[in-house]
Amino acid sequence: EPVDLAPLGAGLAAISIVGPGLAIGILAGMSASAISRNPDAAPQIRSVAVLMAAFAEGLGIIALVVALALVFVG
């Protein structure tokens, strides 16, 4: 009898959301450190940090969509 591995794949895809969370945390800490060292560069640092956070969050959303697709389609 075949075993349905879609829930396992969905669980692994859902765990991959941890990566973007860690990335955003590291990004926030490093950008705060950079701004504290050079307050004059705060606007440039902030704009790059927001852009990188958006990229990391996009990867998290893609992982969540893949997990949900595996659960409901698979």
C-alpha atoms as a PDB file:
ATOM      1  CA  GLU A   1       0.000   0.000   0.000  1.00  0.00           C
ATOM      2  CA  PRO A   2       1.523   3.396  -0.988  1.00  0.00           C
ATOM      3  CA  VAL A   3       2.399   5.855   1.739  1.00  0.00           C
ATOM      4  CA  ASP A   4       1.321   9.491   1.354  1.00  0.00           C
ATOM      5  CA  LEU A   5       4.385  11.651   2.028  1.00  0.00           C
ATOM      6  CA  ALA A   6       2.711  14.989   1.248  1.00  0.00           C
ATOM      7  CA  PRO A   7       2.249  15.900   4.959  1.00  0.00           C
ATOM      8  CA  LEU A   8       5.929  15.204   5.598  1.00  0.00           C
ATOM      9  CA  GLY A   9       6.935  17.416   2.683  1.00  0.00           C
ATOM     10  CA  ALA A  10       4.564  20.117   3.890  1.00  0.00           C
ATOM     11  CA  GLY A  11       6.078  19.970   7.353  1.00  0.00           C
ATOM     12  CA  LEU A  12       9.595  20.293   5.968  1.00  0.00           C
ATOM     13  CA  ALA A  13       8.529  23.215   3.797  1.00  0.00           C
ATOM     14  CA  ALA A  14       6.905  24.888   6.808  1.00  0.00           C
ATOM     15  CA  ILE A  15      10.112  24.486   8.822  1.00  0.00           C
ATOM     16  CA  SER A  16      11.933  26.413   6.098  1.00  0.00           C
ATOM     17  CA  ILE A  17      10.163  29.562   7.313  1.00  0.00           C
ATOM     18  CA  VAL A  18      12.665  29.621  10.180  1.00  0.00           C
ATOM     19  CA  GLY A  19      15.445  30.696   7.795  1.00  0.00           C
ATOM     20  CA  PRO A  20      13.906  34.020   6.765  1.00  0.00           C
ATOM     21  CA  GLY A  21      13.066  34.724  10.402  1.00  0.00           C
ATOM     22  CA  LEU A  22      16.697  34.284  11.370  1.00  0.00           C
ATOM     23  CA  ALA A  23      17.812  36.364   8.403  1.00  0.00           C
ATOM     24  CA  ILE A  24      15.558  39.258   9.365  1.00  0.00           C
ATOM     25  CA  GLY A  25      16.777  39.090  12.965  1.00  0.00           C
ATOM     26  CA  ILE A  26      20.428  39.177  11.917  1.00  0.00           C
ATOM     27  CA  LEU A  27      19.684  41.950   9.435  1.00  0.00           C
ATOM     28  CA  ALA A  28      17.980  44.073  12.083  1.00  0.00           C
ATOM     29  CA  GLY A  29      20.837  43.632  14.538  1.00  0.00           C
ATOM     30  CA  MET A  30      23.543  44.432  12.026  1.00  0.00           C
ATOM     31  CA  SER A  31      21.715  47.446  10.607  1.00  0.00           C
ATOM     32  CA  ALA A  32      21.148  48.818  14.113  1.00  0.00           C
ATOM     33  CA  SER A  33      24.841  48.358  14.813  1.00  0.00           C
ATOM     34  CA  ALA A  34      25.788  50.080  11.557  1.00  0.00           C
ATOM     35  CA  ILE A  35      23.469  53.003  12.256  1.00  0.00           C
ATOM     36  CA  SER A  36      24.899  53.390  15.758  1.00  0.00           C
ATOM     37  CA  ARG A  37      28.411  53.537  14.313  1.00  0.00           C
ATOM     38  CA  ASN A  38      27.548  55.981  11.536  1.00  0.00           C
ATOM     39  CA  PRO A  39      24.306  57.889  12.174  1.00  0.00           C
ATOM     40  CA  ASP A  40      24.801  60.034   9.064  1.00  0.00           C
ATOM     41  CA  ALA A  41      24.357  56.955   6.846  1.00  0.00           C
ATOM     42  CA  ALA A  42      21.088  55.926   8.539  1.00  0.00           C
ATOM     43  CA  PRO A  43      18.813  56.605   5.528  1.00  0.00           C
ATOM     44  CA  GLN A  44      20.944  54.501   3.177  1.00  0.00           C
ATOM     45  CA  ILE A  45      21.341  51.680   5.698  1.00  0.00           C
ATOM     46  CA  ARG A  46      17.618  51.704   6.477  1.00  0.00           C
ATOM     47  CA  SER A  47      16.611  51.535   2.811  1.00  0.00           C
ATOM     48  CA  VAL A  48      18.932  48.599   2.123  1.00  0.00           C
ATOM     49  CA  ALA A  49      17.748  46.832   5.296  1.00  0.00           C
ATOM     50  CA  VAL A  50      14.088  47.199   4.310  1.00  0.00           C
ATOM     51  CA  LEU A  51      14.822  45.870   0.818  1.00  0.00           C
ATOM     52  CA  MET A  52      16.715  42.844   2.158  1.00  0.00           C
ATOM     53  CA  ALA A  53      13.966  42.151   4.716  1.00  0.00           C
ATOM     54  CA  ALA A  54      11.423  42.177   1.900  1.00  0.00           C
ATOM     55  CA  PHE A  55      13.487  39.626  -0.036  1.00  0.00           C
ATOM     56  CA  ALA A  56      13.810  37.379   3.010  1.00  0.00           C
ATOM     57  CA  GLU A  57      10.089  37.678   3.763  1.00  0.00           C
ATOM     58  CA  GLY A  58       9.296  36.820   0.153  1.00  0.00           C
ATOM     59  CA  LEU A  59      11.236  33.580   0.502  1.00  0.00           C
ATOM     60  CA  GLY A  60       9.259  32.781   3.630  1.00  0.00           C
ATOM     61  CA  ILE A  61       5.978  33.375   1.833  1.00  0.00           C
ATOM     62  CA  ILE A  62       7.074  31.131  -1.039  1.00  0.00           C
ATOM     63  CA  ALA A  63       7.924  28.381   1.453  1.00  0.00           C
ATOM     64  CA  LEU A  64       4.517  28.763   3.096  1.00  0.00           C
ATOM     65  CA  VAL A  65       2.731  28.589  -0.273  1.00  0.00           C
ATOM     66  CA  VAL A  66       4.662  25.441  -1.178  1.00  0.00           C
ATOM     67  CA  ALA A  67       3.756  23.874   2.178  1.00  0.00           C
ATOM     68  CA  LEU A  68       0.078  24.674   1.747  1.00  0.00           C
ATOM     69  CA  ALA A  69       0.116  23.432  -1.852  1.00  0.00           C
ATOM     70  CA  LEU A  70       1.605  20.141  -0.721  1.00  0.00           C
ATOM     71  CA  VAL A  71      -1.079  19.729   1.913  1.00  0.00           C
ATOM     72  CA  PHE A  72      -4.108  20.635  -0.184  1.00  0.00           C
ATOM     73  CA  VAL A  73      -3.025  19.575  -3.684  1.00  0.00           C
ATOM     74  CA  GLY A  74      -0.746  16.660  -2.860  1.00  0.00           C
END
